[in-house]
C-alpha atoms as a PDB file:
ATOM      1  CA  MET A   1     109.623 116.991 113.819  1.00  0.00           C
ATOM      2  CA  GLY A   2     110.606 117.150 110.009  1.00  0.00           C
ATOM      3  CA  LYS A   3     108.390 118.559 107.105  1.00  0.00           C
ATOM      4  CA  VAL A   4     107.843 116.527 104.217  1.00  0.00           C
ATOM      5  CA  VAL A   5     106.120 117.525 100.670  1.00  0.00           C
ATOM      6  CA  THR A   6     105.321 114.432  98.368  1.00  0.00           C
ATOM      7  CA  VAL A   7     102.979 115.047  94.762  1.00  0.00           C
ATOM      8  CA  GLY A   8     101.169 111.614  93.061  1.00  0.00           C
ATOM      9  CA  GLU A   9      97.869 110.511  91.945  1.00  0.00           C
ATOM     10  CA  PRO A  10      95.717 108.690  94.809  1.00  0.00           C
ATOM     11  CA  MET A  11      93.335 106.117  93.735  1.00  0.00           C
ATOM     12  CA  ALA A  12      90.119 103.951  94.921  1.00  0.00           C
ATOM     13  CA  LEU A  13      91.799 100.277  94.784  1.00  0.00           C
ATOM     14  CA  PHE A  14      89.749  97.123  94.790  1.00  0.00           C
ATOM     15  CA  VAL A  15      91.336  94.320  96.167  1.00  0.00           C
ATOM     16  CA  ALA A  16      89.986  90.549  95.024  1.00  0.00           C
ATOM     17  CA  ASN A  17      88.838  88.794  98.239  1.00  0.00           C
ATOM     18  CA  GLU A  18      89.652  85.157  96.708  1.00  0.00           C
ATOM     19  CA  GLU A  19      92.676  84.165  93.935  1.00  0.00           C
ATOM     20  CA  GLY A  20      92.465  83.938  90.383  1.00  0.00           C
ATOM     21  CA  PRO A  21      92.434  86.109  87.458  1.00  0.00           C
ATOM     22  CA  LEU A  22      90.543  89.647  87.951  1.00  0.00           C
ATOM     23  CA  ASP A  23      88.339  88.662  84.759  1.00  0.00           C
ATOM     24  CA  SER A  24      86.998  85.800  86.940  1.00  0.00           C
ATOM     25  CA  VAL A  25      86.629  87.394  90.367  1.00  0.00           C
ATOM     26  CA  LYS A  26      83.857  88.469  91.736  1.00  0.00           C
ATOM     27  CA  THR A  27      84.200  90.626  95.089  1.00  0.00           C
ATOM     28  CA  PHE A  28      86.489  92.871  95.882  1.00  0.00           C
ATOM     29  CA  THR A  29      86.903  94.954  98.940  1.00  0.00           C
ATOM     30  CA  LYS A  30      87.711  98.589  98.727  1.00  0.00           C
ATOM     31  CA  TYR A  31      91.070 101.035  99.872  1.00  0.00           C
ATOM     32  CA  ILE A  32      93.182 103.267  99.136  1.00  0.00           C
ATOM     33  CA  ALA A  33      96.275 103.206  96.601  1.00  0.00           C
ATOM     34  CA  GLY A  34      99.193 105.403  95.469  1.00  0.00           C
ATOM     35  CA  ALA A  35     102.268 105.423  95.974  1.00  0.00           C
ATOM     36  CA  GLU A  36     102.982 108.758  97.243  1.00  0.00           C
ATOM     37  CA  ILE A  37     100.097 108.297  99.200  1.00  0.00           C
ATOM     38  CA  ASN A  38     101.222 105.201 101.144  1.00  0.00           C
ATOM     39  CA  VAL A  39     104.455 107.565 101.970  1.00  0.00           C
ATOM     40  CA  SER A  40     102.040 109.868 103.063  1.00  0.00           C
ATOM     41  CA  VAL A  41     100.297 107.622 105.911  1.00  0.00           C
ATOM     42  CA  GLY A  42     103.546 106.212 106.800  1.00  0.00           C
ATOM     43  CA  VAL A  43     105.567 109.169 107.018  1.00  0.00           C
ATOM     44  CA  ASN A  44     102.550 110.974 109.156  1.00  0.00           C
ATOM     45  CA  ARG A  45     102.014 107.584 111.379  1.00  0.00           C
ATOM     46  CA  LEU A  46     106.014 108.221 112.378  1.00  0.00           C
ATOM     47  CA  GLU A  47     105.008 111.708 113.620  1.00  0.00           C
ATOM     48  CA  HIS A  48     106.430 113.869 110.804  1.00  0.00           C
ATOM     49  CA  GLU A  49     104.290 116.694 109.356  1.00  0.00           C
ATOM     50  CA  ILE A  50     103.203 115.631 105.126  1.00  0.00           C
ATOM     51  CA  GLU A  51     102.173 117.708 102.527  1.00  0.00           C
ATOM     52  CA  TYR A  52     100.168 115.352 100.185  1.00  0.00           C
ATOM     53  CA  VAL A  53      99.693 117.407  96.004  1.00  0.00           C
ATOM     54  CA  THR A  54      96.859 115.994  94.579  1.00  0.00           C
ATOM     55  CA  GLN A  55      94.012 116.599  91.810  1.00  0.00           C
ATOM     56  CA  LEU A  56      90.992 114.557  92.810  1.00  0.00           C
ATOM     57  CA  GLY A  57      87.892 114.058  90.705  1.00  0.00           C
ATOM     58  CA  LYS A  58      84.713 115.405  92.301  1.00  0.00           C
ATOM     59  CA  ASP A  59      83.032 112.118  92.882  1.00  0.00           C
ATOM     60  CA  PRO A  60      82.417 109.498  95.756  1.00  0.00           C
ATOM     61  CA  PHE A  61      86.328 108.338  95.026  1.00  0.00           C
ATOM     62  CA  GLY A  62      87.509 111.574  95.120  1.00  0.00           C
ATOM     63  CA  LYS A  63      85.462 112.240  98.407  1.00  0.00           C
ATOM     64  CA  TYR A  64      86.302 108.927  99.562  1.00  0.00           C
ATOM     65  CA  ILE A  65      90.338 109.532  99.406  1.00  0.00           C
ATOM     66  CA  ALA A  66      89.854 113.379 100.702  1.00  0.00           C
ATOM     67  CA  ARG A  67      87.978 111.824 103.923  1.00  0.00           C
ATOM     68  CA  PHE A  68      90.801 109.273 104.257  1.00  0.00           C
ATOM     69  CA  LEU A  69      93.626 111.960 104.196  1.00  0.00           C
ATOM     70  CA  GLU A  70      91.630 114.240 106.491  1.00  0.00           C
ATOM     71  CA  GLU A  71      91.019 111.380 108.802  1.00  0.00           C
ATOM     72  CA  GLU A  72      94.704 110.421 108.887  1.00  0.00           C
ATOM     73  CA  GLY A  73      95.864 113.926 109.685  1.00  0.00           C
ATOM     74  CA  ILE A  74      97.809 114.350 106.221  1.00  0.00           C
ATOM     75  CA  GLY A  75      98.406 117.968 104.879  1.00  0.00           C
ATOM     76  CA  THR A  76      96.510 118.883 102.294  1.00  0.00           C
ATOM     77  CA  THR A  77      96.992 122.922 101.559  1.00  0.00           C
ATOM     78  CA  TYR A  78      97.511 121.946  97.745  1.00  0.00           C
ATOM     79  CA  SER A  79      95.028 119.289  96.787  1.00  0.00           C
ATOM     80  CA  ARG A  80      91.665 120.125  95.370  1.00  0.00           C
ATOM     81  CA  PHE A  81      88.595 118.842  93.922  1.00  0.00           C
ATOM     82  CA  TYR A  82      88.207 119.308  90.010  1.00  0.00           C
ATOM     83  CA  GLU A  83      85.010 118.214  88.140  1.00  0.00           C
ATOM     84  CA  GLY A  84      86.331 117.936  84.328  1.00  0.00           C
ATOM     85  CA  ALA A  85      87.776 114.084  85.236  1.00  0.00           C
ATOM     86  CA  PRO A  86      87.053 111.720  87.566  1.00  0.00           C
ATOM     87  CA  THR A  87      89.322 110.044  90.204  1.00  0.00           C
ATOM     88  CA  GLY A  88      91.402 106.819  88.947  1.00  0.00           C
ATOM     89  CA  PHE A  89      90.710 103.521  90.378  1.00  0.00           C
ATOM     90  CA  GLN A  90      92.773 100.125  90.046  1.00  0.00           C
ATOM     91  CA  LEU A  91      91.973  96.120  90.955  1.00  0.00           C
ATOM     92  CA  LYS A  92      94.561  94.476  92.535  1.00  0.00           C
ATOM     93  CA  GLY A  93      94.155  90.416  92.628  1.00  0.00           C
ATOM     94  CA  LYS A  94      94.930  88.404  95.464  1.00  0.00           C
ATOM     95  CA  ASP A  95      98.480  86.244  95.112  1.00  0.00           C
ATOM     96  CA  THR A  96      99.975  85.108  98.352  1.00  0.00           C
ATOM     97  CA  GLU A  97     103.517  83.993  96.419  1.00  0.00           C
ATOM     98  CA  ASN A  98     104.271  86.396  93.668  1.00  0.00           C
ATOM     99  CA  ASP A  99     103.429  90.328  92.758  1.00  0.00           C
ATOM    100  CA  PRO A 100      99.785  89.887  92.146  1.00  0.00           C
ATOM    101  CA  GLU A 101      97.950  91.019  88.695  1.00  0.00           C
ATOM    102  CA  VAL A 102      97.180  95.388  88.924  1.00  0.00           C
ATOM    103  CA  PHE A 103      94.708  96.461  86.474  1.00  0.00           C
ATOM    104  CA  TYR A 104      94.657 100.441  86.095  1.00  0.00           C
ATOM    105  CA  PHE A 105      91.421 102.564  85.135  1.00  0.00           C
ATOM    106  CA  ARG A 106      93.310 106.200  85.360  1.00  0.00           C
ATOM    107  CA  LYS A 107      93.426 107.281  82.015  1.00  0.00           C
ATOM    108  CA  ASN A 108      92.591 110.996  81.587  1.00  0.00           C
ATOM    109  CA  SER A 109      92.033 111.137  85.636  1.00  0.00           C
ATOM    110  CA  ALA A 110      91.609 114.311  87.605  1.00  0.00           C
ATOM    111  CA  ALA A 111      95.273 114.119  88.774  1.00  0.00           C
ATOM    112  CA  SER A 112      96.706 113.555  85.070  1.00  0.00           C
ATOM    113  CA  MET A 113      95.446 117.458  84.874  1.00  0.00           C
ATOM    114  CA  ILE A 114      97.000 118.932  87.628  1.00  0.00           C
ATOM    115  CA  PRO A 115      97.718 122.213  86.871  1.00  0.00           C
ATOM    116  CA  TYR A 116     101.461 123.469  86.226  1.00  0.00           C
ATOM    117  CA  ASP A 117     100.668 126.908  87.979  1.00  0.00           C
ATOM    118  CA  LEU A 118     100.133 124.619  91.142  1.00  0.00           C
ATOM    119  CA  SER A 119     104.015 124.014  91.308  1.00  0.00           C
ATOM    120  CA  GLU A 120     105.061 127.355  91.673  1.00  0.00           C
ATOM    121  CA  GLU A 121     102.433 128.118  94.558  1.00  0.00           C
ATOM    122  CA  ILE A 122     103.381 125.385  96.965  1.00  0.00           C
ATOM    123  CA  ASN A 123     105.258 126.867 100.013  1.00  0.00           C
ATOM    124  CA  LEU A 124     108.709 124.959 100.185  1.00  0.00           C
ATOM    125  CA  ASP A 125     109.199 126.989 103.613  1.00  0.00           C
ATOM    126  CA  ASP A 126     110.624 124.848 106.308  1.00  0.00           C
ATOM    127  CA  VAL A 127     110.237 121.456 103.871  1.00  0.00           C
ATOM    128  CA  ASP A 128     113.537 119.020 105.171  1.00  0.00           C
ATOM    129  CA  VAL A 129     112.279 116.404 102.554  1.00  0.00           C
ATOM    130  CA  LEU A 130     110.824 116.334  98.904  1.00  0.00           C
ATOM    131  CA  HIS A 131     109.704 113.235  97.956  1.00  0.00           C
ATOM    132  CA  VAL A 132     109.150 112.190  94.433  1.00  0.00           C
ATOM    133  CA  SER A 133     107.883 109.031  92.594  1.00  0.00           C
ATOM    134  CA  GLY A 134     108.242 108.009  89.303  1.00  0.00           C
ATOM    135  CA  VAL A 135     104.548 106.990  89.310  1.00  0.00           C
ATOM    136  CA  PHE A 136     103.241 110.432  89.027  1.00  0.00           C
ATOM    137  CA  LEU A 137     106.521 110.880  86.244  1.00  0.00           C
ATOM    138  CA  ALA A 138     104.696 108.302  83.966  1.00  0.00           C
ATOM    139  CA  VAL A 139     100.943 109.637  84.322  1.00  0.00           C
ATOM    140  CA  ASN A 140     101.440 111.977  81.079  1.00  0.00           C
ATOM    141  CA  ASP A 141     104.202 115.146  80.240  1.00  0.00           C
ATOM    142  CA  GLU A 142     102.297 117.624  81.620  1.00  0.00           C
ATOM    143  CA  THR A 143     102.329 115.773  85.356  1.00  0.00           C
ATOM    144  CA  TYR A 144     106.486 114.928  84.611  1.00  0.00           C
ATOM    145  CA  ARG A 145     106.818 118.938  84.109  1.00  0.00           C
ATOM    146  CA  PHE A 146     104.986 119.573  87.194  1.00  0.00           C
ATOM    147  CA  ALA A 147     106.908 117.680  89.169  1.00  0.00           C
ATOM    148  CA  GLN A 148     110.582 118.643  87.099  1.00  0.00           C
ATOM    149  CA  ASN A 149     109.342 122.082  88.426  1.00  0.00           C
ATOM    150  CA  LEU A 150     109.071 121.309  92.093  1.00  0.00           C
ATOM    151  CA  VAL A 151     112.395 119.439  91.905  1.00  0.00           C
ATOM    152  CA  LYS A 152     114.003 122.415  90.797  1.00  0.00           C
ATOM    153  CA  ARG A 153     112.459 124.831  93.158  1.00  0.00           C
ATOM    154  CA  ALA A 154     113.525 122.315  95.669  1.00  0.00           C
ATOM    155  CA  LYS A 155     116.973 122.288  94.852  1.00  0.00           C
ATOM    156  CA  ALA A 156     117.322 125.778  95.003  1.00  0.00           C
ATOM    157  CA  LYS A 157     116.458 126.081  98.345  1.00  0.00           C
ATOM    158  CA  GLY A 158     118.835 123.061  99.563  1.00  0.00           C
ATOM    159  CA  ILE A 159     116.068 120.256 100.134  1.00  0.00           C
ATOM    160  CA  THR A 160     116.701 117.074  99.958  1.00  0.00           C
ATOM    161  CA  ILE A 161     115.302 115.465  97.461  1.00  0.00           C
ATOM    162  CA  VAL A 162     114.416 111.777  97.581  1.00  0.00           C
ATOM    163  CA  PHE A 163     113.541 109.793  94.356  1.00  0.00           C
ATOM    164  CA  ASP A 164     111.969 106.342  94.367  1.00  0.00           C
ATOM    165  CA  PRO A 165     111.977 105.250  90.532  1.00  0.00           C
ATOM    166  CA  ASN A 166     109.071 103.117  90.982  1.00  0.00           C
ATOM    167  CA  LEU A 167     108.807 101.895  87.304  1.00  0.00           C
ATOM    168  CA  ARG A 168     105.445 101.165  85.752  1.00  0.00           C
ATOM    169  CA  PRO A 169     106.241 100.147  82.520  1.00  0.00           C
ATOM    170  CA  VAL A 170     102.421  99.984  81.477  1.00  0.00           C
ATOM    171  CA  LEU A 171     102.051 103.819  81.830  1.00  0.00           C
ATOM    172  CA  TRP A 172     105.097 104.957  80.012  1.00  0.00           C
ATOM    173  CA  GLY A 173     104.537 103.639  76.480  1.00  0.00           C
ATOM    174  CA  SER A 174     107.836 102.824  76.162  1.00  0.00           C
ATOM    175  CA  THR A 175     111.072 101.487  77.796  1.00  0.00           C
ATOM    176  CA  GLU A 176     113.166 103.594  76.062  1.00  0.00           C
ATOM    177  CA  LYS A 177     111.144 106.310  77.337  1.00  0.00           C
ATOM    178  CA  MET A 178     110.735 105.076  80.833  1.00  0.00           C
ATOM    179  CA  VAL A 179     114.150 104.911  81.151  1.00  0.00           C
ATOM    180  CA  LYS A 180     115.299 108.262  80.042  1.00  0.00           C
ATOM    181  CA  GLY A 181     112.390 109.960  81.847  1.00  0.00           C
ATOM    182  CA  ILE A 182     113.256 108.059  85.115  1.00  0.00           C
ATOM    183  CA  ASN A 183     117.255 108.826  85.216  1.00  0.00           C
ATOM    184  CA  GLU A 184     116.857 112.358  84.332  1.00  0.00           C
ATOM    185  CA  MET A 185     114.772 112.830  87.012  1.00  0.00           C
ATOM    186  CA  ALA A 186     117.315 110.703  89.398  1.00  0.00           C
ATOM    187  CA  PHE A 187     119.972 112.907  88.193  1.00  0.00           C
ATOM    188  CA  GLN A 188     118.438 115.603  90.254  1.00  0.00           C
ATOM    189  CA  ALA A 189     117.956 113.994  93.389  1.00  0.00           C
ATOM    190  CA  ASP A 190     120.096 113.758  96.696  1.00  0.00           C
ATOM    191  CA  TYR A 191     119.115 110.152  96.976  1.00  0.00           C
ATOM    192  CA  VAL A 192     117.688 107.113  94.445  1.00  0.00           C
ATOM    193  CA  LEU A 193     115.691 104.029  96.279  1.00  0.00           C
ATOM    194  CA  PRO A 194     115.559 101.812  92.892  1.00  0.00           C
ATOM    195  CA  GLY A 195     114.777  97.956  93.509  1.00  0.00           C
ATOM    196  CA  ILE A 196     117.350  95.648  91.954  1.00  0.00           C
ATOM    197  CA  GLY A 197     115.333  94.902  88.747  1.00  0.00           C
ATOM    198  CA  GLU A 198     114.658  98.270  88.625  1.00  0.00           C
ATOM    199  CA  GLY A 199     118.032  99.205  88.519  1.00  0.00           C
ATOM    200  CA  GLU A 200     119.017  96.565  86.030  1.00  0.00           C
ATOM    201  CA  ILE A 201     116.631  97.962  83.679  1.00  0.00           C
ATOM    202  CA  LEU A 202     117.797 101.432  84.118  1.00  0.00           C
ATOM    203  CA  THR A 203     121.378 101.052  84.227  1.00  0.00           C
ATOM    204  CA  GLY A 204     121.979  97.676  82.483  1.00  0.00           C
ATOM    205  CA  SER A 205     123.309  95.785  85.496  1.00  0.00           C
ATOM    206  CA  ARG A 206     122.115  93.672  88.098  1.00  0.00           C
ATOM    207  CA  GLU A 207     125.122  93.584  90.022  1.00  0.00           C
ATOM    208  CA  PRO A 208     124.514  96.404  92.839  1.00  0.00           C
ATOM    209  CA  ASP A 209     127.848  98.050  92.800  1.00  0.00           C
ATOM    210  CA  ALA A 210     127.566  98.895  88.772  1.00  0.00           C
ATOM    211  CA  ILE A 211     124.400 100.265  89.390  1.00  0.00           C
ATOM    212  CA  ALA A 212     125.305 102.495  92.379  1.00  0.00           C
ATOM    213  CA  ASP A 213     128.625 103.663  90.239  1.00  0.00           C
ATOM    214  CA  PHE A 214     126.271 104.618  87.631  1.00  0.00           C
ATOM    215  CA  TYR A 215     124.066 107.061  89.794  1.00  0.00           C
ATOM    216  CA  LEU A 216     127.336 108.318  91.850  1.00  0.00           C
ATOM    217  CA  ALA A 217     128.941 109.213  88.715  1.00  0.00           C
ATOM    218  CA  GLN A 218     126.563 111.772  87.949  1.00  0.00           C
ATOM    219  CA  GLY A 219     126.604 113.526  90.877  1.00  0.00           C
ATOM    220  CA  VAL A 220     123.388 111.243  93.255  1.00  0.00           C
ATOM    221  CA  LYS A 221     124.797 111.779  96.882  1.00  0.00           C
ATOM    222  CA  GLY A 222     123.417 108.078  98.110  1.00  0.00           C
ATOM    223  CA  ILE A 223     121.938 105.484  96.068  1.00  0.00           C
ATOM    224  CA  ILE A 224     119.782 102.512  98.407  1.00  0.00           C
ATOM    225  CA  ILE A 225     119.317  99.326  96.059  1.00  0.00           C
ATOM    226  CA  LYS A 226     116.331  97.407  97.567  1.00  0.00           C
ATOM    227  CA  ASP A 227     116.448  93.814  97.075  1.00  0.00           C
ATOM    228  CA  GLY A 228     113.192  92.457  98.571  1.00  0.00           C
ATOM    229  CA  PRO A 229     114.102  89.451 101.647  1.00  0.00           C
ATOM    230  CA  LYS A 230     117.415  89.678 101.345  1.00  0.00           C
ATOM    231  CA  GLY A 231     117.803  93.435 102.622  1.00  0.00           C
ATOM    232  CA  CYS A 232     119.337  96.459 100.900  1.00  0.00           C
ATOM    233  CA  TYR A 233     123.158  98.121  99.942  1.00  0.00           C
ATOM    234  CA  ALA A 234     123.101 101.799 100.343  1.00  0.00           C
ATOM    235  CA  TYR A 235     126.043 103.556  98.750  1.00  0.00           C
ATOM    236  CA  SER A 236     127.412 106.629  99.182  1.00  0.00           C
ATOM    237  CA  SER A 237     130.392 108.782  98.081  1.00  0.00           C
ATOM    238  CA  GLU A 238     132.692 111.717  99.565  1.00  0.00           C
ATOM    239  CA  GLN A 239     135.256 113.088  97.761  1.00  0.00           C
ATOM    240  CA  GLY A 240     135.557 110.433  95.437  1.00  0.00           C
ATOM    241  CA  ILE A 241     135.654 107.663  97.665  1.00  0.00           C
ATOM    242  CA  THR A 242     132.507 105.651  97.508  1.00  0.00           C
ATOM    243  CA  GLN A 243     131.406 103.856 100.635  1.00  0.00           C
ATOM    244  CA  LYS A 244     129.321 100.579 100.942  1.00  0.00           C
ATOM    245  CA  THR A 245     126.759  99.961 103.858  1.00  0.00           C
ATOM    246  CA  THR A 246     124.617  96.323 103.457  1.00  0.00           C
ATOM    247  CA  ALA A 247     121.765  95.527 105.760  1.00  0.00           C
ATOM    248  CA  ALA A 248     119.490  92.250 106.030  1.00  0.00           C
ATOM    249  CA  GLY A 249     115.887  91.846 105.543  1.00  0.00           C
ATOM    250  CA  PHE A 250     113.604  90.692 108.108  1.00  0.00           C
ATOM    251  CA  LYS A 251     112.351  87.234 107.492  1.00  0.00           C
ATOM    252  CA  LEU A 252     108.699  86.800 107.569  1.00  0.00           C
ATOM    253  CA  GLU A 253     106.843  83.370 108.320  1.00  0.00           C
ATOM    254  CA  GLN A 254     104.058  84.740 105.905  1.00  0.00           C
ATOM    255  CA  LEU A 255     104.029  87.238 103.153  1.00  0.00           C
ATOM    256  CA  VAL A 256     100.471  88.717 102.766  1.00  0.00           C
ATOM    257  CA  ASP A 257     100.823  91.240  99.812  1.00  0.00           C
ATOM    258  CA  THR A 258     104.316  92.720  98.491  1.00  0.00           C
ATOM    259  CA  VAL A 259     102.549  95.775  97.021  1.00  0.00           C
ATOM    260  CA  GLY A 260     103.619  98.899  98.920  1.00  0.00           C
ATOM    261  CA  ALA A 261     106.222  97.535 100.557  1.00  0.00           C
ATOM    262  CA  GLY A 262     108.631  99.547  98.403  1.00  0.00           C
ATOM    263  CA  ASP A 263     106.810 102.551  99.608  1.00  0.00           C
ATOM    264  CA  GLY A 264     107.388 101.679 103.331  1.00  0.00           C
ATOM    265  CA  PHE A 265     111.035 101.531 102.666  1.00  0.00           C
ATOM    266  CA  ALA A 266     110.859 104.499 101.124  1.00  0.00           C
ATOM    267  CA  VAL A 267     109.348 106.314 104.152  1.00  0.00           C
ATOM    268  CA  GLY A 268     112.153 104.563 106.486  1.00  0.00           C
ATOM    269  CA  VAL A 269     114.896 106.696 104.091  1.00  0.00           C
ATOM    270  CA  VAL A 270     112.798 110.125 104.142  1.00  0.00           C
ATOM    271  CA  THR A 271     111.884 109.885 107.939  1.00  0.00           C
ATOM    272  CA  GLY A 272     115.301 108.500 108.935  1.00  0.00           C
ATOM    273  CA  LEU A 273     117.319 110.994 107.124  1.00  0.00           C
ATOM    274  CA  ILE A 274     115.129 114.139 108.508  1.00  0.00           C
ATOM    275  CA  GLU A 275     115.888 112.422 112.387  1.00  0.00           C
ATOM    276  CA  GLY A 276     119.632 112.396 111.387  1.00  0.00           C
ATOM    277  CA  LEU A 277     120.092 108.596 112.105  1.00  0.00           C
ATOM    278  CA  SER A 278     123.161 107.103 111.209  1.00  0.00           C
ATOM    279  CA  LEU A 279     122.776 104.880 107.880  1.00  0.00           C
ATOM    280  CA  GLU A 280     123.389 101.754 109.388  1.00  0.00           C
ATOM    281  CA  ARG A 281     119.575 102.674 111.531  1.00  0.00           C
ATOM    282  CA  ILE A 282     117.890 103.963 108.442  1.00  0.00           C
ATOM    283  CA  LEU A 283     118.540 100.549 106.462  1.00  0.00           C
ATOM    284  CA  GLU A 284     117.063  98.891 109.808  1.00  0.00           C
ATOM    285  CA  ARG A 285     113.777 101.040 109.926  1.00  0.00           C
ATOM    286  CA  SER A 286     113.738 100.929 106.017  1.00  0.00           C
ATOM    287  CA  ASN A 287     113.804  97.259 105.896  1.00  0.00           C
ATOM    288  CA  ALA A 288     111.712  96.655 108.923  1.00  0.00           C
ATOM    289  CA  ILE A 289     108.658  98.930 107.350  1.00  0.00           C
ATOM    290  CA  GLY A 290     108.769  97.161 104.858  1.00  0.00           C
ATOM    291  CA  ALA A 291     108.830  93.888 106.496  1.00  0.00           C
ATOM    292  CA  ILE A 292     105.258  95.128 108.175  1.00  0.00           C
ATOM    293  CA  GLN A 293     103.769  96.687 105.203  1.00  0.00           C
ATOM    294  CA  VAL A 294     103.498  93.057 103.009  1.00  0.00           C
ATOM    295  CA  SER A 295     102.262  91.486 106.592  1.00  0.00           C
ATOM    296  CA  HIS A 296      98.956  93.115 105.351  1.00  0.00           C
ATOM    297  CA  ILE A 297      96.529  93.350 102.528  1.00  0.00           C
ATOM    298  CA  SER A 298      96.245  96.658 101.947  1.00  0.00           C
ATOM    299  CA  ASP A 299      98.922  98.951 100.310  1.00  0.00           C
ATOM    300  CA  ASN A 300      99.291 101.066 103.394  1.00  0.00           C
ATOM    301  CA  GLU A 301      97.072 100.091 106.335  1.00  0.00           C
ATOM    302  CA  GLY A 302      99.818  98.257 107.932  1.00  0.00           C
ATOM    303  CA  LEU A 303     102.348 101.023 108.072  1.00  0.00           C
ATOM    304  CA  PRO A 304     103.360 101.474 111.825  1.00  0.00           C
ATOM    305  CA  THR A 305     103.173 104.285 114.330  1.00  0.00           C
ATOM    306  CA  ARG A 306     106.546 104.908 116.199  1.00  0.00           C
ATOM    307  CA  GLN A 307     105.681 102.569 118.920  1.00  0.00           C
ATOM    308  CA  GLU A 308     104.442  99.525 116.548  1.00  0.00           C
ATOM    309  CA  LEU A 309     107.935  99.891 114.426  1.00  0.00           C
ATOM    310  CA  ALA A 310     109.685  99.994 117.787  1.00  0.00           C
ATOM    311  CA  ASP A 311     108.436  96.965 119.120  1.00  0.00           C
ATOM    312  CA  PHE A 312     108.671  95.193 115.732  1.00  0.00           C
ATOM    313  CA  ILE A 313     112.460  95.789 115.835  1.00  0.00           C
ATOM    314  CA  ALA A 314     112.899  95.098 119.168  1.00  0.00           C
ATOM    315  CA  ASN A 315     110.610  91.532 118.975  1.00  0.00           C
ATOM    316  CA  TYR A 316     112.134  90.195 116.121  1.00  0.00           C
END
């Protein structure tokens, strides 16, 4: 099986037990959130080795997350505790029809103070894929530099880089800074995974072909554009010839929570690339994991094992 490295900020997640605005909700249930930790859970459950890099506060939330990582069997060689800052957390509303309301408590968190030197210490030998998310880039300038250096080192070793823009406008400060920062990182990746709405913000067009052309012209090897329940569109370019592949989404009777669907999709891409699957099978796997995830309230608890994934696809 393959080996993956990712870096990010995990948070304690409190999900509302009843619908309504967050300021009126009385009870919440505690989970764990973070784009990169979601990907780590999914990759590990599909039986690939994953190394998750982060910095946690030495507090109850940090200990809760560390215990979760250990129980899941996720590698934490380069994850550490930091006493000078707390672990972040977030509140998430309950909404079965739309994206739920989310509010973050993450400013000056332990992860935001991850030391740059750690990006040099990470052993990238035998790593197949580096997964990077735009969320970690948005935390502050130092986390951006950390990820940038990790990408630079990975490229020098010929490691496949998968980048999920995961736009978080509230963290960037301005749309202009976000677009510039995300695209500069995307141009360094082998595969870029924007949602169609993200593609519009980043390129100025909502047309999948135009979004793909924008990134392929910068040397990106492949771009996969997510379009919710409609499915996805994948593009690759070889010797100046662009190949397009589309895959329909899995239609569900009930949608529980859309958060985490994109991270599940990324799990499918990362593991599919490692396993050398055809593009058609990678897209099928990615759509399937995304569909499974939106059937669960937690951001990552529903991510499937290899058998659960096979059963879902076979029985659909």
